[in-house]
Amino acid sequence: MTCDNLNGKLENFANNNNNVTETAKPEKYQNGTISNGKAKSSHKEVIVDEEELETRKSLMILATIFVTALLAMFYIYKNFPRLDESERANLKIPLNIEDAKLLGKVLDRYKDQFYFEVMTGICLLYLFLQTFAIPGSLFLSILLGFLFKFPIALTLICACSALGATLCYLLSLLLGRRLVKHYFPKRAEQWSHQVQNHKDDMLSYILFLRMTPLLPNWFINLVAPVIGVPLFPFVAGTFAGVAPPSFIAIEAGKTLYKMTNSSLAFSWNSILMLFVFSMLALAPVFFKKYFKSKVERKYDDNIENV
């Protein structure tokens, strides 16, 4: 046997041995790239499943809290002072100006005898609507203006708005953050960057948003904690920011029976007033930017002179 024949046989034996070894190896050792891809894919699937589970859990908790609050409101409704059947039919959340008129007529009849019961009932309903971002608080503001004197009505509206918005904020902070980021991830990230860029002027911006109809209040309450708005400027801005629109609602309440729809509460004078207040809210931001640019310009001039 020649050396060449011997070397050929040894090479064939080595190749056959390598093929057998590759076949006997598990798949993950045969092709590292494919194995890593499958492992990563499996890991992603586990993460997605966990996120879906947490999202469903958040929805269930939110539904439980809502049903509990709804049962509490029903208990208050059933324990309200005795009413006639026709009057009790009007004791509901006002969805339009006609509902507000009928509800105001019933409550006005019992207000003198059950003053604090009527006040407490309206405030709790206001908090319920604000907490769960349910429309209808505008009609309650008009109703408070109809039933109570201006200082009392204004204090109640500002306090209920701030407390209800805070409860909605906390509820969204605990449960809504995951939901918003799950369904609107890109929007949430963009808004978070905007908040970080203007975090020093957040109080002014909250005041501005509360005074103008650019964004609905329920939307602000839900999104604020998700995008990182701090609690203190949120509460303070809400309490003070809802006051100017409340002036209009309270004045509208004094002429409740003459109103045919809620839009009549907002005249050109009231819109002009809201515009002035909103500009005053942003005034500190404008002044800060003006003086900052002036100081920077002066500093640059001094550098050039040196």
C-alpha atoms as a PDB file:
ATOM      1  CA  MET A   1       0.000   0.000   0.000  1.00  0.00           C
ATOM      2  CA  THR A   2       1.428   3.312  -1.073  1.00  0.00           C
ATOM      3  CA  CYS A   3       1.577   6.414   1.048  1.00  0.00           C
ATOM      4  CA  ASP A   4      -0.872   8.181  -1.276  1.00  0.00           C
ATOM      5  CA  ASN A   5      -3.440   5.394  -0.930  1.00  0.00           C
ATOM      6  CA  LEU A   6      -2.997   5.434   2.848  1.00  0.00           C
ATOM      7  CA  ASN A   7      -3.498   9.208   3.051  1.00  0.00           C
ATOM      8  CA  GLY A   8      -6.622   8.979   0.858  1.00  0.00           C
ATOM      9  CA  LYS A   9      -8.174   6.350   3.072  1.00  0.00           C
ATOM     10  CA  LEU A  10      -7.412   8.385   6.212  1.00  0.00           C
ATOM     11  CA  GLU A  11      -9.058  11.495   4.687  1.00  0.00           C
ATOM     12  CA  ASN A  12     -12.176   9.510   3.719  1.00  0.00           C
ATOM     13  CA  PHE A  13     -12.360   8.080   7.224  1.00  0.00           C
ATOM     14  CA  ALA A  14     -12.070  11.565   8.771  1.00  0.00           C
ATOM     15  CA  ASN A  15     -14.792  13.015   6.504  1.00  0.00           C
ATOM     16  CA  ASN A  16     -17.174  10.152   7.262  1.00  0.00           C
ATOM     17  CA  ASN A  17     -16.532  10.566  10.973  1.00  0.00           C
ATOM     18  CA  ASN A  18     -17.318  14.317  10.785  1.00  0.00           C
ATOM     19  CA  ASN A  19     -20.574  13.656   8.926  1.00  0.00           C
ATOM     20  CA  VAL A  20     -21.688  11.125  11.518  1.00  0.00           C
ATOM     21  CA  THR A  21     -20.818  13.503  14.339  1.00  0.00           C
ATOM     22  CA  GLU A  22     -22.784  16.395  12.730  1.00  0.00           C
ATOM     23  CA  THR A  23     -25.792  14.138  12.238  1.00  0.00           C
ATOM     24  CA  ALA A  24     -25.707  12.945  15.833  1.00  0.00           C
ATOM     25  CA  LYS A  25     -25.519  16.484  17.235  1.00  0.00           C
ATOM     26  CA  PRO A  26     -28.731  18.145  18.380  1.00  0.00           C
ATOM     27  CA  GLU A  27     -30.063  20.847  16.053  1.00  0.00           C
ATOM     28  CA  LYS A  28     -28.961  23.683  18.269  1.00  0.00           C
ATOM     29  CA  TYR A  29     -25.339  22.546  17.945  1.00  0.00           C
ATOM     30  CA  GLN A  30     -25.502  21.931  14.224  1.00  0.00           C
ATOM     31  CA  ASN A  31     -26.352  25.495  13.280  1.00  0.00           C
ATOM     32  CA  GLY A  32     -25.683  28.116  15.902  1.00  0.00           C
ATOM     33  CA  THR A  33     -27.416  30.878  13.953  1.00  0.00           C
ATOM     34  CA  ILE A  34     -30.660  28.982  13.503  1.00  0.00           C
ATOM     35  CA  SER A  35     -30.622  27.852  17.119  1.00  0.00           C
ATOM     36  CA  ASN A  36     -30.075  31.396  18.423  1.00  0.00           C
ATOM     37  CA  GLY A  37     -32.852  32.697  16.178  1.00  0.00           C
ATOM     38  CA  LYS A  38     -35.274  30.112  17.533  1.00  0.00           C
ATOM     39  CA  ALA A  39     -34.245  30.876  21.115  1.00  0.00           C
ATOM     40  CA  LYS A  40     -34.707  34.611  20.565  1.00  0.00           C
ATOM     41  CA  SER A  41     -38.053  34.030  18.876  1.00  0.00           C
ATOM     42  CA  SER A  42     -39.209  31.869  21.762  1.00  0.00           C
ATOM     43  CA  HIS A  43     -38.046  34.504  24.250  1.00  0.00           C
ATOM     44  CA  LYS A  44     -39.972  37.227  22.408  1.00  0.00           C
ATOM     45  CA  GLU A  45     -43.105  35.092  22.397  1.00  0.00           C
ATOM     46  CA  VAL A  46     -42.825  34.650  26.169  1.00  0.00           C
ATOM     47  CA  ILE A  47     -42.448  38.428  26.649  1.00  0.00           C
ATOM     48  CA  VAL A  48     -45.464  39.136  24.393  1.00  0.00           C
ATOM     49  CA  ASP A  49     -47.547  36.577  26.277  1.00  0.00           C
ATOM     50  CA  GLU A  50     -46.600  38.191  29.595  1.00  0.00           C
ATOM     51  CA  GLU A  51     -47.504  41.669  28.291  1.00  0.00           C
ATOM     52  CA  GLU A  52     -50.871  40.406  27.031  1.00  0.00           C
ATOM     53  CA  LEU A  53     -51.518  38.779  30.394  1.00  0.00           C
ATOM     54  CA  GLU A  54     -50.634  41.966  32.287  1.00  0.00           C
ATOM     55  CA  THR A  55     -52.814  44.038  29.945  1.00  0.00           C
ATOM     56  CA  ARG A  56     -55.793  41.763  30.532  1.00  0.00           C
ATOM     57  CA  LYS A  57     -55.121  41.865  34.255  1.00  0.00           C
ATOM     58  CA  SER A  58     -55.128  45.675  34.186  1.00  0.00           C
ATOM     59  CA  LEU A  59     -58.407  45.704  32.262  1.00  0.00           C
ATOM     60  CA  MET A  60     -60.000  43.335  34.788  1.00  0.00           C
ATOM     61  CA  ILE A  61     -58.850  45.455  37.740  1.00  0.00           C
ATOM     62  CA  LEU A  62     -60.148  48.609  36.047  1.00  0.00           C
ATOM     63  CA  ALA A  63     -63.506  46.950  35.347  1.00  0.00           C
ATOM     64  CA  THR A  64     -63.743  45.800  38.971  1.00  0.00           C
ATOM     65  CA  ILE A  65     -63.059  49.304  40.312  1.00  0.00           C
ATOM     66  CA  PHE A  66     -65.604  50.799  37.904  1.00  0.00           C
ATOM     67  CA  VAL A  67     -68.333  48.299  38.855  1.00  0.00           C
ATOM     68  CA  THR A  68     -67.654  48.906  42.564  1.00  0.00           C
ATOM     69  CA  ALA A  69     -67.970  52.684  42.097  1.00  0.00           C
ATOM     70  CA  LEU A  70     -71.118  52.163  40.028  1.00  0.00           C
ATOM     71  CA  LEU A  71     -72.683  50.089  42.801  1.00  0.00           C
ATOM     72  CA  ALA A  72     -71.773  52.820  45.307  1.00  0.00           C
ATOM     73  CA  MET A  73     -73.512  55.428  43.120  1.00  0.00           C
ATOM     74  CA  PHE A  74     -76.567  53.180  42.874  1.00  0.00           C
ATOM     75  CA  TYR A  75     -76.621  52.875  46.681  1.00  0.00           C
ATOM     76  CA  ILE A  76     -76.566  56.686  46.994  1.00  0.00           C
ATOM     77  CA  TYR A  77     -79.340  56.917  44.413  1.00  0.00           C
ATOM     78  CA  LYS A  78     -81.557  54.447  46.286  1.00  0.00           C
ATOM     79  CA  ASN A  79     -80.990  56.226  49.621  1.00  0.00           C
ATOM     80  CA  PHE A  80     -81.736  59.694  48.291  1.00  0.00           C
ATOM     81  CA  PRO A  81     -84.680  61.461  50.033  1.00  0.00           C
ATOM     82  CA  ARG A  82     -88.052  60.039  49.018  1.00  0.00           C
ATOM     83  CA  LEU A  83     -89.201  61.325  45.640  1.00  0.00           C
ATOM     84  CA  ASP A  84     -92.252  60.908  43.455  1.00  0.00           C
ATOM     85  CA  GLU A  85     -91.945  58.386  40.658  1.00  0.00           C
ATOM     86  CA  SER A  86     -91.987  61.115  38.020  1.00  0.00           C
ATOM     87  CA  GLU A  87     -89.262  63.010  39.880  1.00  0.00           C
ATOM     88  CA  ARG A  88     -87.112  59.919  40.425  1.00  0.00           C
ATOM     89  CA  ALA A  89     -87.131  59.289  36.662  1.00  0.00           C
ATOM     90  CA  ASN A  90     -85.346  62.648  36.223  1.00  0.00           C
ATOM     91  CA  LEU A  91     -82.691  61.796  38.814  1.00  0.00           C
ATOM     92  CA  LYS A  92     -79.995  60.700  36.348  1.00  0.00           C
ATOM     93  CA  ILE A  93     -76.751  61.847  34.767  1.00  0.00           C
ATOM     94  CA  PRO A  94     -77.575  64.849  32.554  1.00  0.00           C
ATOM     95  CA  LEU A  95     -76.472  64.148  28.989  1.00  0.00           C
ATOM     96  CA  ASN A  96     -77.985  67.296  27.472  1.00  0.00           C
ATOM     97  CA  ILE A  97     -79.413  70.624  28.557  1.00  0.00           C
ATOM     98  CA  GLU A  98     -82.968  69.247  28.824  1.00  0.00           C
ATOM     99  CA  ASP A  99     -81.813  66.578  31.275  1.00  0.00           C
ATOM    100  CA  ALA A 100     -80.049  69.307  33.274  1.00  0.00           C
ATOM    101  CA  LYS A 101     -83.252  71.376  33.387  1.00  0.00           C
ATOM    102  CA  LEU A 102     -85.352  68.450  34.644  1.00  0.00           C
ATOM    103  CA  LEU A 103     -82.733  67.446  37.209  1.00  0.00           C
ATOM    104  CA  GLY A 104     -82.332  71.043  38.356  1.00  0.00           C
ATOM    105  CA  LYS A 105     -86.083  71.369  38.829  1.00  0.00           C
ATOM    106  CA  VAL A 106     -86.150  68.279  41.077  1.00  0.00           C
ATOM    107  CA  LEU A 107     -83.084  69.218  43.126  1.00  0.00           C
ATOM    108  CA  ASP A 108     -84.179  72.818  43.540  1.00  0.00           C
ATOM    109  CA  ARG A 109     -87.396  71.593  45.139  1.00  0.00           C
ATOM    110  CA  TYR A 110     -85.528  69.546  47.765  1.00  0.00           C
ATOM    111  CA  LYS A 111     -82.453  71.757  48.191  1.00  0.00           C
ATOM    112  CA  ASP A 112     -83.777  73.827  51.097  1.00  0.00           C
ATOM    113  CA  GLN A 113     -84.870  70.787  53.114  1.00  0.00           C
ATOM    114  CA  PHE A 114     -81.948  68.517  52.177  1.00  0.00           C
ATOM    115  CA  TYR A 115     -79.223  71.061  51.448  1.00  0.00           C
ATOM    116  CA  PHE A 116     -76.138  68.967  52.240  1.00  0.00           C
ATOM    117  CA  GLU A 117     -77.640  65.776  50.792  1.00  0.00           C
ATOM    118  CA  VAL A 118     -78.206  67.513  47.453  1.00  0.00           C
ATOM    119  CA  MET A 119     -74.744  69.099  47.514  1.00  0.00           C
ATOM    120  CA  THR A 120     -73.042  65.817  48.440  1.00  0.00           C
ATOM    121  CA  GLY A 121     -74.940  63.872  45.794  1.00  0.00           C
ATOM    122  CA  ILE A 122     -73.903  66.267  43.004  1.00  0.00           C
ATOM    123  CA  CYS A 123     -70.281  66.336  44.175  1.00  0.00           C
ATOM    124  CA  LEU A 124     -70.049  62.531  44.311  1.00  0.00           C
ATOM    125  CA  LEU A 125     -71.558  62.265  40.842  1.00  0.00           C
ATOM    126  CA  TYR A 126     -69.069  64.896  39.621  1.00  0.00           C
ATOM    127  CA  LEU A 127     -66.189  62.868  41.086  1.00  0.00           C
ATOM    128  CA  PHE A 128     -67.526  59.678  39.493  1.00  0.00           C
ATOM    129  CA  LEU A 129     -67.651  61.258  36.034  1.00  0.00           C
ATOM    130  CA  GLN A 130     -64.210  62.835  36.391  1.00  0.00           C
ATOM    131  CA  THR A 131     -62.563  59.708  37.800  1.00  0.00           C
ATOM    132  CA  PHE A 132     -63.698  57.449  34.968  1.00  0.00           C
ATOM    133  CA  ALA A 133     -63.456  60.091  32.211  1.00  0.00           C
ATOM    134  CA  ILE A 134     -67.203  60.053  31.490  1.00  0.00           C
ATOM    135  CA  PRO A 135     -68.649  63.113  29.698  1.00  0.00           C
ATOM    136  CA  GLY A 136     -71.306  65.171  31.481  1.00  0.00           C
ATOM    137  CA  SER A 137     -69.433  67.287  34.032  1.00  0.00           C
ATOM    138  CA  LEU A 138     -70.203  70.479  32.055  1.00  0.00           C
ATOM    139  CA  PHE A 139     -73.915  70.068  32.752  1.00  0.00           C
ATOM    140  CA  LEU A 140     -73.189  69.460  36.438  1.00  0.00           C
ATOM    141  CA  SER A 141     -71.188  72.707  36.516  1.00  0.00           C
ATOM    142  CA  ILE A 142     -74.166  74.547  35.010  1.00  0.00           C
ATOM    143  CA  LEU A 143     -76.413  72.813  37.535  1.00  0.00           C
ATOM    144  CA  LEU A 144     -74.230  73.897  40.457  1.00  0.00           C
ATOM    145  CA  GLY A 145     -74.437  77.476  39.184  1.00  0.00           C
ATOM    146  CA  PHE A 146     -78.211  77.147  39.112  1.00  0.00           C
ATOM    147  CA  LEU A 147     -78.573  75.681  42.611  1.00  0.00           C
ATOM    148  CA  PHE A 148     -75.925  77.518  44.646  1.00  0.00           C
ATOM    149  CA  LYS A 149     -74.431  80.974  45.041  1.00  0.00           C
ATOM    150  CA  PHE A 150     -71.434  81.908  42.918  1.00  0.00           C
ATOM    151  CA  PRO A 151     -68.628  81.449  45.530  1.00  0.00           C
ATOM    152  CA  ILE A 152     -69.996  78.077  46.688  1.00  0.00           C
ATOM    153  CA  ALA A 153     -70.543  76.824  43.144  1.00  0.00           C
ATOM    154  CA  LEU A 154     -67.067  77.924  42.014  1.00  0.00           C
ATOM    155  CA  THR A 155     -65.370  76.300  45.017  1.00  0.00           C
ATOM    156  CA  LEU A 156     -67.265  73.044  44.504  1.00  0.00           C
ATOM    157  CA  ILE A 157     -66.478  72.902  40.786  1.00  0.00           C
ATOM    158  CA  CYS A 158     -62.766  73.601  41.261  1.00  0.00           C
ATOM    159  CA  ALA A 159     -62.453  71.163  44.172  1.00  0.00           C
ATOM    160  CA  CYS A 160     -64.397  68.357  42.459  1.00  0.00           C
ATOM    161  CA  SER A 161     -62.526  68.864  39.195  1.00  0.00           C
ATOM    162  CA  ALA A 162     -59.134  68.753  40.908  1.00  0.00           C
ATOM    163  CA  LEU A 163     -59.984  65.762  43.114  1.00  0.00           C
ATOM    164  CA  GLY A 164     -61.699  63.833  40.316  1.00  0.00           C
ATOM    165  CA  ALA A 165     -58.833  64.538  37.912  1.00  0.00           C
ATOM    166  CA  THR A 166     -56.357  63.391  40.577  1.00  0.00           C
ATOM    167  CA  LEU A 167     -58.236  60.101  41.055  1.00  0.00           C
ATOM    168  CA  CYS A 168     -58.279  59.604  37.285  1.00  0.00           C
ATOM    169  CA  TYR A 169     -54.551  60.435  37.180  1.00  0.00           C
ATOM    170  CA  LEU A 170     -53.756  57.859  39.886  1.00  0.00           C
ATOM    171  CA  LEU A 171     -55.969  55.250  38.238  1.00  0.00           C
ATOM    172  CA  SER A 172     -54.219  55.817  34.931  1.00  0.00           C
ATOM    173  CA  LEU A 173     -50.835  55.751  36.669  1.00  0.00           C
ATOM    174  CA  LEU A 174     -51.548  52.343  38.206  1.00  0.00           C
ATOM    175  CA  LEU A 175     -53.415  50.716  35.334  1.00  0.00           C
ATOM    176  CA  GLY A 176     -53.614  52.962  32.291  1.00  0.00           C
ATOM    177  CA  ARG A 177     -49.899  53.370  31.654  1.00  0.00           C
ATOM    178  CA  ARG A 178     -49.614  49.793  30.417  1.00  0.00           C
ATOM    179  CA  LEU A 179     -52.763  50.126  28.301  1.00  0.00           C
ATOM    180  CA  VAL A 180     -51.736  53.388  26.622  1.00  0.00           C
ATOM    181  CA  LYS A 181     -48.226  52.150  25.921  1.00  0.00           C
ATOM    182  CA  HIS A 182     -49.673  48.896  24.605  1.00  0.00           C
ATOM    183  CA  TYR A 183     -52.171  50.476  22.199  1.00  0.00           C
ATOM    184  CA  PHE A 184     -50.428  53.811  21.443  1.00  0.00           C
ATOM    185  CA  PRO A 185     -46.682  53.215  21.924  1.00  0.00           C
ATOM    186  CA  LYS A 186     -45.403  55.781  19.381  1.00  0.00           C
ATOM    187  CA  ARG A 187     -47.745  58.550  20.546  1.00  0.00           C
ATOM    188  CA  ALA A 188     -46.847  57.937  24.191  1.00  0.00           C
ATOM    189  CA  GLU A 189     -43.124  58.169  23.406  1.00  0.00           C
ATOM    190  CA  GLN A 190     -43.543  61.407  21.440  1.00  0.00           C
ATOM    191  CA  TRP A 191     -45.600  63.033  24.200  1.00  0.00           C
ATOM    192  CA  SER A 192     -43.072  61.928  26.833  1.00  0.00           C
ATOM    193  CA  HIS A 193     -40.311  63.748  24.937  1.00  0.00           C
ATOM    194  CA  GLN A 194     -42.463  66.879  24.751  1.00  0.00           C
ATOM    195  CA  VAL A 195     -43.085  66.779  28.508  1.00  0.00           C
ATOM    196  CA  GLN A 196     -39.359  66.397  29.218  1.00  0.00           C
ATOM    197  CA  ASN A 197     -38.590  69.392  26.998  1.00  0.00           C
ATOM    198  CA  HIS A 198     -41.088  71.613  28.859  1.00  0.00           C
ATOM    199  CA  LYS A 199     -41.012  70.112  32.367  1.00  0.00           C
ATOM    200  CA  ASP A 200     -39.921  73.419  33.969  1.00  0.00           C
ATOM    201  CA  ASP A 201     -43.033  75.169  32.609  1.00  0.00           C
ATOM    202  CA  MET A 202     -45.499  72.328  33.161  1.00  0.00           C
ATOM    203  CA  LEU A 203     -47.784  74.334  35.475  1.00  0.00           C
ATOM    204  CA  SER A 204     -48.273  77.024  32.825  1.00  0.00           C
ATOM    205  CA  TYR A 205     -49.049  74.450  30.151  1.00  0.00           C
ATOM    206  CA  ILE A 206     -51.570  72.622  32.355  1.00  0.00           C
ATOM    207  CA  LEU A 207     -53.287  75.957  33.100  1.00  0.00           C
ATOM    208  CA  PHE A 208     -53.392  76.721  29.387  1.00  0.00           C
ATOM    209  CA  LEU A 209     -54.860  73.315  28.466  1.00  0.00           C
ATOM    210  CA  ARG A 210     -57.536  73.540  31.176  1.00  0.00           C
ATOM    211  CA  MET A 211     -58.647  76.965  29.970  1.00  0.00           C
ATOM    212  CA  THR A 212     -58.798  76.134  26.275  1.00  0.00           C
ATOM    213  CA  PRO A 213     -60.782  73.474  24.398  1.00  0.00           C
ATOM    214  CA  LEU A 214     -57.735  72.194  22.511  1.00  0.00           C
ATOM    215  CA  LEU A 215     -57.864  68.868  24.353  1.00  0.00           C
ATOM    216  CA  PRO A 216     -60.775  67.424  26.361  1.00  0.00           C
ATOM    217  CA  ASN A 217     -60.227  67.234  30.106  1.00  0.00           C
ATOM    218  CA  TRP A 218     -60.794  63.479  30.262  1.00  0.00           C
ATOM    219  CA  PHE A 219     -58.014  62.968  27.708  1.00  0.00           C
ATOM    220  CA  ILE A 220     -55.601  65.137  29.722  1.00  0.00           C
ATOM    221  CA  ASN A 221     -56.430  63.210  32.909  1.00  0.00           C
ATOM    222  CA  LEU A 222     -55.774  59.837  31.302  1.00  0.00           C
ATOM    223  CA  VAL A 223     -52.617  60.673  29.360  1.00  0.00           C
ATOM    224  CA  ALA A 224     -50.831  62.963  31.859  1.00  0.00           C
ATOM    225  CA  PRO A 225     -49.354  60.243  34.131  1.00  0.00           C
ATOM    226  CA  VAL A 226     -48.442  58.046  31.166  1.00  0.00           C
ATOM    227  CA  ILE A 227     -46.234  60.714  29.568  1.00  0.00           C
ATOM    228  CA  GLY A 228     -44.626  61.750  32.848  1.00  0.00           C
ATOM    229  CA  VAL A 229     -46.501  64.902  33.954  1.00  0.00           C
ATOM    230  CA  PRO A 230     -45.733  65.402  37.693  1.00  0.00           C
ATOM    231  CA  LEU A 231     -48.666  65.232  40.102  1.00  0.00           C
ATOM    232  CA  PHE A 232     -48.247  68.629  41.810  1.00  0.00           C
ATOM    233  CA  PRO A 233     -48.406  70.870  38.700  1.00  0.00           C
ATOM    234  CA  PHE A 234     -51.185  68.635  37.390  1.00  0.00           C
ATOM    235  CA  VAL A 235     -53.379  69.127  40.498  1.00  0.00           C
ATOM    236  CA  ALA A 236     -52.539  72.814  40.994  1.00  0.00           C
ATOM    237  CA  GLY A 237     -52.997  73.569  37.299  1.00  0.00           C
ATOM    238  CA  THR A 238     -56.336  71.760  37.255  1.00  0.00           C
ATOM    239  CA  PHE A 239     -57.710  73.524  40.346  1.00  0.00           C
ATOM    240  CA  ALA A 240     -56.816  76.993  39.062  1.00  0.00           C
ATOM    241  CA  GLY A 241     -57.232  76.262  35.367  1.00  0.00           C
ATOM    242  CA  VAL A 242     -60.877  75.164  35.509  1.00  0.00           C
ATOM    243  CA  ALA A 243     -61.904  78.390  37.260  1.00  0.00           C
ATOM    244  CA  PRO A 244     -62.274  80.643  34.160  1.00  0.00           C
ATOM    245  CA  PRO A 245     -64.440  78.134  32.231  1.00  0.00           C
ATOM    246  CA  SER A 246     -66.419  77.613  35.444  1.00  0.00           C
ATOM    247  CA  PHE A 247     -67.260  81.341  35.549  1.00  0.00           C
ATOM    248  CA  ILE A 248     -69.081  80.855  32.254  1.00  0.00           C
ATOM    249  CA  ALA A 249     -70.840  77.663  33.343  1.00  0.00           C
ATOM    250  CA  ILE A 250     -72.026  79.224  36.613  1.00  0.00           C
ATOM    251  CA  GLU A 251     -73.348  82.318  34.868  1.00  0.00           C
ATOM    252  CA  ALA A 252     -75.117  80.050  32.382  1.00  0.00           C
ATOM    253  CA  GLY A 253     -76.676  78.202  35.302  1.00  0.00           C
ATOM    254  CA  LYS A 254     -78.400  81.391  36.442  1.00  0.00           C
ATOM    255  CA  THR A 255     -80.398  81.305  33.195  1.00  0.00           C
ATOM    256  CA  LEU A 256     -80.750  77.511  32.975  1.00  0.00           C
ATOM    257  CA  TYR A 257     -84.437  77.480  32.050  1.00  0.00           C
ATOM    258  CA  LYS A 258     -83.827  79.902  29.169  1.00  0.00           C
ATOM    259  CA  MET A 259     -81.092  77.789  27.585  1.00  0.00           C
ATOM    260  CA  THR A 260     -81.865  75.552  24.624  1.00  0.00           C
ATOM    261  CA  ASN A 261     -78.392  73.952  24.335  1.00  0.00           C
ATOM    262  CA  SER A 262     -75.060  74.057  26.148  1.00  0.00           C
ATOM    263  CA  SER A 263     -73.315  76.005  23.378  1.00  0.00           C
ATOM    264  CA  LEU A 264     -75.315  79.096  24.339  1.00  0.00           C
ATOM    265  CA  ALA A 265     -73.195  79.315  27.488  1.00  0.00           C
ATOM    266  CA  PHE A 266     -70.199  80.315  25.351  1.00  0.00           C
ATOM    267  CA  SER A 267     -70.652  83.724  23.775  1.00  0.00           C
ATOM    268  CA  TRP A 268     -67.973  85.740  21.985  1.00  0.00           C
ATOM    269  CA  ASN A 269     -67.322  87.637  25.205  1.00  0.00           C
ATOM    270  CA  SER A 270     -66.756  84.414  27.129  1.00  0.00           C
ATOM    271  CA  ILE A 271     -64.460  83.047  24.400  1.00  0.00           C
ATOM    272  CA  LEU A 272     -62.463  86.302  24.492  1.00  0.00           C
ATOM    273  CA  MET A 273     -62.210  86.031  28.279  1.00  0.00           C
ATOM    274  CA  LEU A 274     -60.875  82.462  28.034  1.00  0.00           C
ATOM    275  CA  PHE A 275     -58.360  83.568  25.423  1.00  0.00           C
ATOM    276  CA  VAL A 276     -57.066  86.356  27.691  1.00  0.00           C
ATOM    277  CA  PHE A 277     -56.743  84.008  30.672  1.00  0.00           C
ATOM    278  CA  SER A 278     -54.981  81.354  28.588  1.00  0.00           C
ATOM    279  CA  MET A 279     -52.467  83.926  27.318  1.00  0.00           C
ATOM    280  CA  LEU A 280     -51.844  85.056  30.896  1.00  0.00           C
ATOM    281  CA  ALA A 281     -51.180  81.433  31.821  1.00  0.00           C
ATOM    282  CA  LEU A 282     -48.486  81.222  29.145  1.00  0.00           C
ATOM    283  CA  ALA A 283     -47.025  84.651  29.933  1.00  0.00           C
ATOM    284  CA  PRO A 284     -44.336  83.271  32.315  1.00  0.00           C
ATOM    285  CA  VAL A 285     -43.159  80.927  29.547  1.00  0.00           C
ATOM    286  CA  PHE A 286     -42.883  83.773  27.033  1.00  0.00           C
ATOM    287  CA  PHE A 287     -41.052  86.043  29.478  1.00  0.00           C
ATOM    288  CA  LYS A 288     -38.666  83.282  30.476  1.00  0.00           C
ATOM    289  CA  LYS A 289     -37.775  82.544  26.849  1.00  0.00           C
ATOM    290  CA  TYR A 290     -37.414  86.262  26.081  1.00  0.00           C
ATOM    291  CA  PHE A 291     -35.067  86.996  28.984  1.00  0.00           C
ATOM    292  CA  LYS A 292     -33.127  83.785  28.388  1.00  0.00           C
ATOM    293  CA  SER A 293     -32.479  84.690  24.743  1.00  0.00           C
ATOM    294  CA  LYS A 294     -31.540  88.237  25.771  1.00  0.00           C
ATOM    295  CA  VAL A 295     -29.031  87.002  28.366  1.00  0.00           C
ATOM    296  CA  GLU A 296     -27.546  84.514  25.883  1.00  0.00           C
ATOM    297  CA  ARG A 297     -27.206  87.238  23.235  1.00  0.00           C
ATOM    298  CA  LYS A 298     -25.470  89.548  25.698  1.00  0.00           C
ATOM    299  CA  TYR A 299     -23.134  86.750  26.747  1.00  0.00           C
ATOM    300  CA  ASP A 300     -22.235  86.008  23.119  1.00  0.00           C
ATOM    301  CA  ASP A 301     -21.503  89.715  22.529  1.00  0.00           C
ATOM    302  CA  ASN A 302     -19.186  89.814  25.521  1.00  0.00           C
ATOM    303  CA  ILE A 303     -17.351  86.758  24.265  1.00  0.00           C
ATOM    304  CA  GLU A 304     -16.861  88.363  20.857  1.00  0.00           C
ATOM    305  CA  ASN A 305     -15.529  91.582  22.432  1.00  0.00           C
ATOM    306  CA  VAL A 306     -13.004  89.634  24.444  1.00  0.00           C
END
